[in-house]
Amino acid sequence: MSTPVPSLQWAPVVETEAGKTLDLTNGHLTSLDSVEFPPDIIEADLTANRLKELDARILALPELRKLSVRQNLFTTIDLQPASFKHTLQVRISTYSLGYIE
Protein backbone atom coordinates (compact mmCIF):
# COMPACT_ATOMS: atom_id res chain seq x y z
CA MET A 1 0.00 0.00 0.00
CA SER A 2 1.49 3.35 -1.01
CA THR A 3 1.61 6.37 1.24
CA PRO A 4 -0.75 9.13 0.11
CA VAL A 5 0.86 12.29 -1.17
CA PRO A 6 0.45 15.03 1.42
CA SER A 7 -1.09 18.22 0.16
CA LEU A 8 1.37 21.03 -0.33
CA GLN A 9 0.67 23.51 2.43
CA TRP A 10 3.41 25.96 1.49
CA ALA A 11 4.22 28.08 -1.54
CA PRO A 12 6.90 25.98 -3.22
CA VAL A 13 7.85 28.48 -5.95
CA VAL A 14 10.11 31.35 -4.96
CA GLU A 15 10.96 34.08 -7.42
CA THR A 16 14.36 35.76 -7.16
CA GLU A 17 16.35 38.05 -9.44
CA ALA A 18 17.97 34.96 -10.96
CA GLY A 19 14.63 33.28 -11.71
CA LYS A 20 12.10 30.90 -10.18
CA THR A 21 13.07 28.16 -7.74
CA LEU A 22 10.87 25.20 -6.83
CA ASP A 23 11.51 24.25 -3.19
CA LEU A 24 9.98 20.93 -2.12
CA THR A 25 12.46 20.15 0.66
CA ASN A 26 11.29 18.10 3.63
CA GLY A 27 7.87 17.54 2.06
CA HIS A 28 7.75 13.81 2.88
CA LEU A 29 6.73 13.30 -0.75
CA THR A 30 6.67 9.76 -2.13
CA SER A 31 5.61 10.97 -5.57
CA LEU A 32 5.56 14.20 -7.55
CA ASP A 33 2.27 13.39 -9.30
CA SER A 34 0.44 16.22 -7.53
CA VAL A 35 3.14 18.82 -8.23
CA GLU A 36 2.80 21.32 -11.05
CA PHE A 37 6.16 22.31 -12.53
CA PRO A 38 6.30 25.88 -13.86
CA PRO A 39 8.12 25.68 -17.22
CA ASP A 40 10.44 28.58 -16.36
CA ILE A 41 11.97 27.36 -13.10
CA ILE A 42 15.76 27.42 -13.00
CA GLU A 43 16.26 25.38 -9.83
CA ALA A 44 14.40 22.49 -8.20
CA ASP A 45 15.22 21.30 -4.69
CA LEU A 46 13.70 17.92 -3.84
CA THR A 47 15.97 17.27 -0.85
CA ALA A 48 14.76 15.14 2.08
CA ASN A 49 11.68 13.49 0.66
CA ARG A 50 10.84 9.82 0.10
CA LEU A 51 11.14 9.74 -3.66
CA LYS A 52 12.15 6.49 -5.37
CA GLU A 53 11.89 7.78 -8.95
CA LEU A 54 12.73 11.05 -10.62
CA ASP A 55 9.71 12.47 -12.41
CA ALA A 56 10.49 12.77 -16.14
CA ARG A 57 8.76 16.16 -16.25
CA ILE A 58 11.66 17.65 -14.29
CA LEU A 59 14.20 16.79 -16.96
CA ALA A 60 11.93 18.31 -19.59
CA LEU A 61 12.10 21.76 -17.98
CA PRO A 62 13.96 23.88 -20.55
CA GLU A 63 15.40 26.49 -18.14
CA LEU A 64 16.43 24.13 -15.31
CA ARG A 65 20.03 24.70 -14.19
CA LYS A 66 20.19 23.12 -10.71
CA LEU A 67 18.53 20.00 -9.36
CA SER A 68 19.00 18.68 -5.84
CA VAL A 69 17.71 15.19 -5.04
CA ARG A 70 19.71 14.48 -1.87
CA GLN A 71 18.29 12.40 0.98
CA ASN A 72 15.69 10.46 -0.98
CA LEU A 73 15.21 6.75 -1.62
CA PHE A 74 16.62 6.53 -5.15
CA THR A 75 18.53 3.42 -6.13
CA THR A 76 19.22 4.74 -9.64
CA ILE A 77 18.47 8.00 -11.39
CA ASP A 78 17.99 8.21 -15.14
CA LEU A 79 19.46 11.56 -16.18
CA GLN A 80 18.82 11.55 -19.89
CA PRO A 81 17.24 14.93 -20.54
CA ALA A 82 15.54 15.67 -23.83
CA SER A 83 17.48 18.90 -24.23
CA PHE A 84 18.91 21.58 -22.02
CA LYS A 85 19.67 25.16 -22.92
CA HIS A 86 22.14 25.30 -20.02
CA THR A 87 24.48 23.01 -18.12
CA LEU A 88 22.50 21.21 -15.40
CA GLN A 89 24.10 20.90 -11.97
CA VAL A 90 22.76 17.87 -10.10
CA ARG A 91 23.31 17.30 -6.38
CA ILE A 92 22.65 13.65 -5.68
CA SER A 93 24.23 13.21 -2.26
CA THR A 94 25.84 15.44 0.30
CA TYR A 95 29.27 14.82 -1.17
CA SER A 96 28.73 14.46 -4.92
CA LEU A 97 27.97 16.82 -7.74
CA GLY A 98 27.26 15.85 -11.29
CA TYR A 99 27.03 18.01 -14.36
CA ILE A 100 25.13 17.33 -17.56
CA GLU A 101 25.79 19.25 -20.75
C-alpha atoms as a PDB file:
ATOM      1  CA  MET A   1       0.000   0.000   0.000  1.00  0.00           C
ATOM      2  CA  SER A   2       1.488   3.351  -1.006  1.00  0.00           C
ATOM      3  CA  THR A   3       1.611   6.372   1.238  1.00  0.00           C
ATOM      4  CA  PRO A   4      -0.754   9.127   0.108  1.00  0.00           C
ATOM      5  CA  VAL A   5       0.860  12.295  -1.174  1.00  0.00           C
ATOM      6  CA  PRO A   6       0.452  15.025   1.418  1.00  0.00           C
ATOM      7  CA  SER A   7      -1.088  18.223   0.165  1.00  0.00           C
ATOM      8  CA  LEU A   8       1.371  21.028  -0.330  1.00  0.00           C
ATOM      9  CA  GLN A   9       0.667  23.510   2.435  1.00  0.00           C
ATOM     10  CA  TRP A  10       3.410  25.963   1.488  1.00  0.00           C
ATOM     11  CA  ALA A  11       4.218  28.076  -1.536  1.00  0.00           C
ATOM     12  CA  PRO A  12       6.904  25.977  -3.217  1.00  0.00           C
ATOM     13  CA  VAL A  13       7.850  28.483  -5.954  1.00  0.00           C
ATOM     14  CA  VAL A  14      10.111  31.351  -4.957  1.00  0.00           C
ATOM     15  CA  GLU A  15      10.958  34.084  -7.418  1.00  0.00           C
ATOM     16  CA  THR A  16      14.363  35.757  -7.160  1.00  0.00           C
ATOM     17  CA  GLU A  17      16.350  38.053  -9.440  1.00  0.00           C
ATOM     18  CA  ALA A  18      17.968  34.958 -10.963  1.00  0.00           C
ATOM     19  CA  GLY A  19      14.627  33.281 -11.711  1.00  0.00           C
ATOM     20  CA  LYS A  20      12.100  30.901 -10.184  1.00  0.00           C
ATOM     21  CA  THR A  21      13.070  28.162  -7.742  1.00  0.00           C
ATOM     22  CA  LEU A  22      10.873  25.198  -6.830  1.00  0.00           C
ATOM     23  CA  ASP A  23      11.513  24.249  -3.192  1.00  0.00           C
ATOM     24  CA  LEU A  24       9.979  20.935  -2.124  1.00  0.00           C
ATOM     25  CA  THR A  25      12.464  20.152   0.657  1.00  0.00           C
ATOM     26  CA  ASN A  26      11.286  18.099   3.627  1.00  0.00           C
ATOM     27  CA  GLY A  27       7.868  17.540   2.065  1.00  0.00           C
ATOM     28  CA  HIS A  28       7.748  13.811   2.879  1.00  0.00           C
ATOM     29  CA  LEU A  29       6.732  13.296  -0.748  1.00  0.00           C
ATOM     30  CA  THR A  30       6.666   9.763  -2.132  1.00  0.00           C
ATOM     31  CA  SER A  31       5.608  10.966  -5.568  1.00  0.00           C
ATOM     32  CA  LEU A  32       5.562  14.197  -7.547  1.00  0.00           C
ATOM     33  CA  ASP A  33       2.275  13.390  -9.303  1.00  0.00           C
ATOM     34  CA  SER A  34       0.441  16.221  -7.531  1.00  0.00           C
ATOM     35  CA  VAL A  35       3.137  18.816  -8.233  1.00  0.00           C
ATOM     36  CA  GLU A  36       2.800  21.321 -11.053  1.00  0.00           C
ATOM     37  CA  PHE A  37       6.159  22.313 -12.526  1.00  0.00           C
ATOM     38  CA  PRO A  38       6.304  25.878 -13.864  1.00  0.00           C
ATOM     39  CA  PRO A  39       8.119  25.680 -17.220  1.00  0.00           C
ATOM     40  CA  ASP A  40      10.438  28.582 -16.361  1.00  0.00           C
ATOM     41  CA  ILE A  41      11.975  27.357 -13.097  1.00  0.00           C
ATOM     42  CA  ILE A  42      15.763  27.424 -13.004  1.00  0.00           C
ATOM     43  CA  GLU A  43      16.263  25.379  -9.830  1.00  0.00           C
ATOM     44  CA  ALA A  44      14.403  22.487  -8.204  1.00  0.00           C
ATOM     45  CA  ASP A  45      15.218  21.304  -4.694  1.00  0.00           C
ATOM     46  CA  LEU A  46      13.703  17.924  -3.843  1.00  0.00           C
ATOM     47  CA  THR A  47      15.974  17.271  -0.851  1.00  0.00           C
ATOM     48  CA  ALA A  48      14.760  15.145   2.080  1.00  0.00           C
ATOM     49  CA  ASN A  49      11.682  13.492   0.660  1.00  0.00           C
ATOM     50  CA  ARG A  50      10.842   9.822   0.103  1.00  0.00           C
ATOM     51  CA  LEU A  51      11.141   9.738  -3.660  1.00  0.00           C
ATOM     52  CA  LYS A  52      12.150   6.493  -5.367  1.00  0.00           C
ATOM     53  CA  GLU A  53      11.887   7.776  -8.949  1.00  0.00           C
ATOM     54  CA  LEU A  54      12.725  11.050 -10.622  1.00  0.00           C
ATOM     55  CA  ASP A  55       9.709  12.470 -12.414  1.00  0.00           C
ATOM     56  CA  ALA A  56      10.486  12.766 -16.138  1.00  0.00           C
ATOM     57  CA  ARG A  57       8.760  16.161 -16.247  1.00  0.00           C
ATOM     58  CA  ILE A  58      11.659  17.645 -14.292  1.00  0.00           C
ATOM     59  CA  LEU A  59      14.201  16.793 -16.960  1.00  0.00           C
ATOM     60  CA  ALA A  60      11.929  18.305 -19.588  1.00  0.00           C
ATOM     61  CA  LEU A  61      12.095  21.761 -17.980  1.00  0.00           C
ATOM     62  CA  PRO A  62      13.956  23.877 -20.554  1.00  0.00           C
ATOM     63  CA  GLU A  63      15.396  26.489 -18.145  1.00  0.00           C
ATOM     64  CA  LEU A  64      16.426  24.127 -15.315  1.00  0.00           C
ATOM     65  CA  ARG A  65      20.031  24.701 -14.185  1.00  0.00           C
ATOM     66  CA  LYS A  66      20.185  23.116 -10.713  1.00  0.00           C
ATOM     67  CA  LEU A  67      18.533  19.995  -9.365  1.00  0.00           C
ATOM     68  CA  SER A  68      18.997  18.680  -5.838  1.00  0.00           C
ATOM     69  CA  VAL A  69      17.712  15.193  -5.043  1.00  0.00           C
ATOM     70  CA  ARG A  70      19.713  14.476  -1.874  1.00  0.00           C
ATOM     71  CA  GLN A  71      18.290  12.398   0.975  1.00  0.00           C
ATOM     72  CA  ASN A  72      15.685  10.459  -0.978  1.00  0.00           C
ATOM     73  CA  LEU A  73      15.205   6.749  -1.622  1.00  0.00           C
ATOM     74  CA  PHE A  74      16.617   6.528  -5.148  1.00  0.00           C
ATOM     75  CA  THR A  75      18.535   3.420  -6.130  1.00  0.00           C
ATOM     76  CA  THR A  76      19.222   4.738  -9.636  1.00  0.00           C
ATOM     77  CA  ILE A  77      18.468   8.000 -11.394  1.00  0.00           C
ATOM     78  CA  ASP A  78      17.994   8.209 -15.140  1.00  0.00           C
ATOM     79  CA  LEU A  79      19.458  11.561 -16.180  1.00  0.00           C
ATOM     80  CA  GLN A  80      18.820  11.553 -19.891  1.00  0.00           C
ATOM     81  CA  PRO A  81      17.239  14.930 -20.541  1.00  0.00           C
ATOM     82  CA  ALA A  82      15.541  15.668 -23.830  1.00  0.00           C
ATOM     83  CA  SER A  83      17.479  18.899 -24.234  1.00  0.00           C
ATOM     84  CA  PHE A  84      18.910  21.576 -22.017  1.00  0.00           C
ATOM     85  CA  LYS A  85      19.667  25.158 -22.915  1.00  0.00           C
ATOM     86  CA  HIS A  86      22.141  25.297 -20.020  1.00  0.00           C
ATOM     87  CA  THR A  87      24.483  23.012 -18.120  1.00  0.00           C
ATOM     88  CA  LEU A  88      22.504  21.207 -15.403  1.00  0.00           C
ATOM     89  CA  GLN A  89      24.100  20.904 -11.972  1.00  0.00           C
ATOM     90  CA  VAL A  90      22.763  17.875 -10.104  1.00  0.00           C
ATOM     91  CA  ARG A  91      23.309  17.302  -6.378  1.00  0.00           C
ATOM     92  CA  ILE A  92      22.646  13.649  -5.683  1.00  0.00           C
ATOM     93  CA  SER A  93      24.227  13.207  -2.258  1.00  0.00           C
ATOM     94  CA  THR A  94      25.837  15.440   0.305  1.00  0.00           C
ATOM     95  CA  TYR A  95      29.267  14.823  -1.170  1.00  0.00           C
ATOM     96  CA  SER A  96      28.733  14.456  -4.915  1.00  0.00           C
ATOM     97  CA  LEU A  97      27.966  16.822  -7.739  1.00  0.00           C
ATOM     98  CA  GLY A  98      27.262  15.854 -11.291  1.00  0.00           C
ATOM     99  CA  TYR A  99      27.031  18.015 -14.364  1.00  0.00           C
ATOM    100  CA  ILE A 100      25.134  17.325 -17.556  1.00  0.00           C
ATOM    101  CA  GLU A 101      25.788  19.246 -20.745  1.00  0.00           C
END
